[in-house]
């Protein structure tokens, strides 16, 4: 949920940034507007870093899951072999 919220905030910030740039082309820019623009740029930069960090964490977690699945498959194979050997011994 927080990832969606952050992406939404990034999109809104980008739209505001684009709007501010378009607005500045038509009229003069006040110091307050420039400060808001700077703050939005900073926020977009921070959110972009956060998105990249989360993507990196996701990739690492997916790798860990793949390793665990592989180990689980190997254990299931060994279990099946052991059960087959036990059945042969019981005959």
N, C-alpha and C. Protein backbone atom coordinates (compact mmCIF):
# COMPACT_ATOMS: atom_id res chain seq x y z
N UNK A 1 0.82 -1.19 0.00
CA UNK A 1 0.00 0.00 0.00
C UNK A 1 0.87 1.26 0.00
N UNK A 2 1.94 1.28 0.79
CA UNK A 2 2.78 2.46 0.86
C UNK A 2 3.53 2.68 -0.45
N UNK A 3 3.84 1.59 -1.16
CA UNK A 3 4.51 1.74 -2.46
C UNK A 3 3.57 2.47 -3.42
N UNK A 4 2.30 2.08 -3.42
CA UNK A 4 1.33 2.72 -4.30
C UNK A 4 1.18 4.19 -3.94
N UNK A 5 1.15 4.46 -2.66
CA UNK A 5 0.99 5.83 -2.20
C UNK A 5 2.20 6.66 -2.62
N UNK A 6 3.39 6.08 -2.49
CA UNK A 6 4.61 6.81 -2.88
C UNK A 6 4.64 7.04 -4.38
N UNK A 7 4.25 6.05 -5.16
CA UNK A 7 4.22 6.23 -6.61
C UNK A 7 3.20 7.29 -7.00
N UNK A 8 2.06 7.29 -6.32
CA UNK A 8 1.03 8.29 -6.58
C UNK A 8 1.58 9.68 -6.25
N UNK A 9 2.27 9.80 -5.11
CA UNK A 9 2.83 11.08 -4.73
C UNK A 9 3.88 11.53 -5.73
N UNK A 10 4.65 10.60 -6.23
CA UNK A 10 5.66 10.94 -7.24
C UNK A 10 4.99 11.46 -8.51
N UNK A 11 3.93 10.79 -8.91
CA UNK A 11 3.23 11.22 -10.11
C UNK A 11 2.63 12.61 -9.92
N UNK A 12 2.03 12.84 -8.76
CA UNK A 12 1.43 14.15 -8.49
C UNK A 12 2.52 15.22 -8.48
N UNK A 13 3.65 14.91 -7.84
CA UNK A 13 4.75 15.87 -7.79
C UNK A 13 5.26 16.18 -9.19
N UNK A 14 5.37 15.15 -10.01
CA UNK A 14 5.84 15.35 -11.38
C UNK A 14 4.86 16.21 -12.17
N UNK A 15 3.57 15.96 -11.99
CA UNK A 15 2.57 16.78 -12.68
C UNK A 15 2.62 18.22 -12.20
N UNK A 16 2.76 18.40 -10.90
CA UNK A 16 2.87 19.76 -10.38
C UNK A 16 4.12 20.45 -10.92
N UNK A 17 5.19 19.70 -10.98
CA UNK A 17 6.44 20.23 -11.51
C UNK A 17 6.25 20.65 -12.97
N UNK A 18 5.63 19.81 -13.75
CA UNK A 18 5.37 20.14 -15.16
C UNK A 18 4.45 21.35 -15.27
N UNK A 19 3.44 21.39 -14.41
CA UNK A 19 2.53 22.53 -14.41
C UNK A 19 3.23 23.83 -14.04
N UNK A 20 4.11 23.73 -13.06
CA UNK A 20 4.84 24.92 -12.64
C UNK A 20 5.74 25.42 -13.76
N UNK A 21 6.38 24.48 -14.45
CA UNK A 21 7.26 24.87 -15.55
C UNK A 21 6.43 25.54 -16.65
N UNK A 22 5.29 24.96 -16.97
CA UNK A 22 4.42 25.55 -17.99
C UNK A 22 3.92 26.92 -17.56
N UNK A 23 3.61 27.04 -16.29
CA UNK A 23 3.10 28.31 -15.76
C UNK A 23 4.18 29.39 -15.80
N UNK A 24 5.41 29.02 -15.53
CA UNK A 24 6.48 30.01 -15.51
C UNK A 24 6.76 30.57 -16.89
N UNK A 25 6.44 29.81 -17.92
CA UNK A 25 6.67 30.29 -19.28
C UNK A 25 5.70 31.41 -19.64
N UNK A 26 4.56 31.49 -18.97
CA UNK A 26 3.54 32.49 -19.29
C UNK A 26 3.65 33.75 -18.45
N UNK A 27 4.25 33.63 -17.28
CA UNK A 27 4.32 34.80 -16.41
C UNK A 27 5.58 34.73 -15.56
N UNK A 28 5.79 35.76 -14.79
CA UNK A 28 6.94 35.79 -13.89
C UNK A 28 6.75 34.80 -12.76
N UNK A 29 7.83 34.42 -12.14
CA UNK A 29 7.78 33.45 -11.06
C UNK A 29 8.14 34.15 -9.76
N UNK A 30 7.28 33.96 -8.77
CA UNK A 30 7.58 34.55 -7.47
C UNK A 30 8.58 33.67 -6.74
N UNK A 31 9.17 34.24 -5.71
CA UNK A 31 10.15 33.49 -4.93
C UNK A 31 9.49 32.31 -4.22
N UNK A 32 8.26 32.50 -3.80
CA UNK A 32 7.52 31.41 -3.13
C UNK A 32 7.29 30.25 -4.10
N UNK A 33 6.95 30.58 -5.33
CA UNK A 33 6.75 29.53 -6.34
C UNK A 33 8.05 28.79 -6.65
N UNK A 34 9.14 29.53 -6.71
CA UNK A 34 10.44 28.88 -6.94
C UNK A 34 10.80 27.95 -5.79
N UNK A 35 10.48 28.37 -4.56
CA UNK A 35 10.76 27.54 -3.40
C UNK A 35 9.89 26.27 -3.46
N UNK A 36 8.63 26.42 -3.82
CA UNK A 36 7.76 25.25 -3.95
C UNK A 36 8.28 24.30 -5.03
N UNK A 37 8.72 24.87 -6.12
CA UNK A 37 9.27 24.07 -7.21
C UNK A 37 10.51 23.30 -6.75
N UNK A 38 11.36 23.97 -6.04
CA UNK A 38 12.57 23.33 -5.51
C UNK A 38 12.20 22.21 -4.54
N UNK A 39 11.24 22.47 -3.68
CA UNK A 39 10.80 21.45 -2.72
C UNK A 39 10.21 20.24 -3.45
N UNK A 40 9.43 20.51 -4.50
CA UNK A 40 8.86 19.40 -5.27
C UNK A 40 9.95 18.60 -5.97
N UNK A 41 10.94 19.27 -6.51
CA UNK A 41 12.05 18.56 -7.14
C UNK A 41 12.77 17.68 -6.13
N UNK A 42 13.00 18.22 -4.93
CA UNK A 42 13.65 17.45 -3.88
C UNK A 42 12.82 16.22 -3.50
N UNK A 43 11.51 16.44 -3.38
CA UNK A 43 10.62 15.33 -3.01
C UNK A 43 10.62 14.25 -4.11
N UNK A 44 10.59 14.68 -5.35
CA UNK A 44 10.62 13.72 -6.46
C UNK A 44 11.93 12.93 -6.42
N UNK A 45 13.03 13.61 -6.15
CA UNK A 45 14.31 12.94 -6.05
C UNK A 45 14.33 11.92 -4.92
N UNK A 46 13.80 12.29 -3.77
CA UNK A 46 13.74 11.38 -2.62
C UNK A 46 12.85 10.18 -2.93
N UNK A 47 11.72 10.43 -3.54
CA UNK A 47 10.80 9.33 -3.86
C UNK A 47 11.39 8.40 -4.91
N UNK A 48 12.12 8.97 -5.84
CA UNK A 48 12.78 8.14 -6.85
C UNK A 48 13.82 7.24 -6.20
N UNK A 49 14.59 7.79 -5.27
CA UNK A 49 15.57 6.98 -4.54
C UNK A 49 14.86 5.86 -3.77
N UNK A 50 13.75 6.21 -3.13
CA UNK A 50 13.01 5.22 -2.35
C UNK A 50 12.47 4.11 -3.25
N UNK A 51 11.96 4.48 -4.41
CA UNK A 51 11.46 3.48 -5.36
C UNK A 51 12.59 2.55 -5.79
N UNK A 52 13.75 3.13 -6.10
CA UNK A 52 14.89 2.31 -6.51
C UNK A 52 15.34 1.38 -5.39
N UNK A 53 15.34 1.87 -4.16
CA UNK A 53 15.70 1.03 -3.01
C UNK A 53 14.71 -0.12 -2.86
N UNK A 54 13.43 0.18 -2.99
CA UNK A 54 12.41 -0.86 -2.86
C UNK A 54 12.51 -1.88 -3.99
N UNK A 55 12.82 -1.42 -5.19
CA UNK A 55 13.00 -2.35 -6.31
C UNK A 55 14.17 -3.28 -6.05
N UNK A 56 15.23 -2.72 -5.49
CA UNK A 56 16.41 -3.51 -5.17
C UNK A 56 16.08 -4.55 -4.10
N UNK A 57 15.35 -4.13 -3.08
CA UNK A 57 14.93 -5.06 -2.03
C UNK A 57 14.04 -6.16 -2.59
N UNK A 58 13.15 -5.80 -3.50
CA UNK A 58 12.26 -6.78 -4.12
C UNK A 58 13.07 -7.82 -4.89
N UNK A 59 14.06 -7.35 -5.64
CA UNK A 59 14.90 -8.26 -6.41
C UNK A 59 15.64 -9.23 -5.49
N UNK A 60 16.17 -8.71 -4.40
CA UNK A 60 16.88 -9.56 -3.44
C UNK A 60 15.94 -10.59 -2.81
N UNK A 61 14.74 -10.17 -2.45
CA UNK A 61 13.77 -11.10 -1.87
C UNK A 61 13.36 -12.17 -2.88
N UNK A 62 13.18 -11.78 -4.13
CA UNK A 62 12.83 -12.76 -5.16
C UNK A 62 13.95 -13.78 -5.34
N UNK A 63 15.21 -13.32 -5.25
CA UNK A 63 16.34 -14.23 -5.35
C UNK A 63 16.34 -15.21 -4.18
N UNK A 64 16.10 -14.71 -2.98
CA UNK A 64 16.05 -15.56 -1.79
C UNK A 64 14.93 -16.59 -1.90
N UNK A 65 13.79 -16.17 -2.41
CA UNK A 65 12.66 -17.09 -2.59
C UNK A 65 13.04 -18.19 -3.57
N UNK A 66 13.70 -17.82 -4.66
CA UNK A 66 14.10 -18.81 -5.66
C UNK A 66 15.05 -19.84 -5.05
N UNK A 67 15.99 -19.39 -4.22
CA UNK A 67 16.93 -20.30 -3.56
C UNK A 67 16.17 -21.26 -2.64
N UNK A 68 15.24 -20.71 -1.87
CA UNK A 68 14.48 -21.56 -0.93
C UNK A 68 13.59 -22.55 -1.67
N UNK A 69 13.00 -22.12 -2.78
CA UNK A 69 12.17 -23.05 -3.57
C UNK A 69 13.03 -24.19 -4.12
N UNK A 70 14.22 -23.86 -4.56
CA UNK A 70 15.12 -24.87 -5.09
C UNK A 70 15.48 -25.88 -4.00
N UNK A 71 15.78 -25.39 -2.81
CA UNK A 71 16.09 -26.28 -1.69
C UNK A 71 14.89 -27.15 -1.33
N UNK A 72 13.71 -26.56 -1.36
CA UNK A 72 12.49 -27.31 -1.05
C UNK A 72 12.27 -28.42 -2.07
N UNK A 73 12.47 -28.11 -3.34
CA UNK A 73 12.32 -29.13 -4.38
C UNK A 73 13.30 -30.27 -4.18
N UNK A 74 14.54 -29.94 -3.81
CA UNK A 74 15.55 -30.97 -3.55
C UNK A 74 15.14 -31.83 -2.36
N UNK A 75 14.62 -31.21 -1.32
CA UNK A 75 14.16 -31.96 -0.15
C UNK A 75 13.00 -32.89 -0.51
N UNK A 76 12.09 -32.41 -1.33
CA UNK A 76 10.95 -33.23 -1.74
C UNK A 76 11.42 -34.44 -2.56
N UNK A 77 12.43 -34.23 -3.41
CA UNK A 77 13.00 -35.34 -4.19
C UNK A 77 13.61 -36.39 -3.26
N UNK A 78 14.40 -35.91 -2.31
CA UNK A 78 15.06 -36.81 -1.38
C UNK A 78 14.04 -37.56 -0.53
N UNK A 79 12.98 -36.88 -0.15
CA UNK A 79 11.93 -37.52 0.64
C UNK A 79 11.27 -38.63 -0.16
N UNK A 80 10.97 -38.37 -1.43
CA UNK A 80 10.34 -39.37 -2.29
C UNK A 80 11.26 -40.58 -2.47
N UNK A 81 12.55 -40.31 -2.67
CA UNK A 81 13.52 -41.40 -2.82
C UNK A 81 13.61 -42.23 -1.53
N UNK A 82 13.62 -41.55 -0.41
CA UNK A 82 13.70 -42.26 0.87
C UNK A 82 12.47 -43.12 1.09
N UNK A 83 11.30 -42.59 0.79
CA UNK A 83 10.07 -43.37 0.95
C UNK A 83 10.06 -44.57 0.02
N UNK A 84 10.55 -44.40 -1.19
CA UNK A 84 10.62 -45.52 -2.14
C UNK A 84 11.58 -46.58 -1.62
N UNK A 85 12.72 -46.17 -1.08
CA UNK A 85 13.68 -47.12 -0.53
C UNK A 85 13.11 -47.85 0.68
N UNK A 86 12.36 -47.14 1.51
CA UNK A 86 11.76 -47.78 2.68
C UNK A 86 10.73 -48.82 2.26
N UNK A 87 9.98 -48.53 1.22
CA UNK A 87 8.99 -49.50 0.72
C UNK A 87 9.69 -50.74 0.20
N UNK A 88 10.82 -50.54 -0.52
CA UNK A 88 11.58 -51.68 -1.05
C UNK A 88 12.12 -52.54 0.10
N UNK A 89 12.56 -51.91 1.15
CA UNK A 89 13.13 -52.63 2.29
C UNK A 89 12.04 -53.40 3.04
N UNK A 90 10.84 -52.87 3.02
CA UNK A 90 9.73 -53.52 3.74
C UNK A 90 9.22 -54.75 3.04
N UNK A 91 9.50 -54.93 1.78
CA UNK A 91 9.00 -56.09 1.01
C UNK A 91 9.73 -57.30 1.35
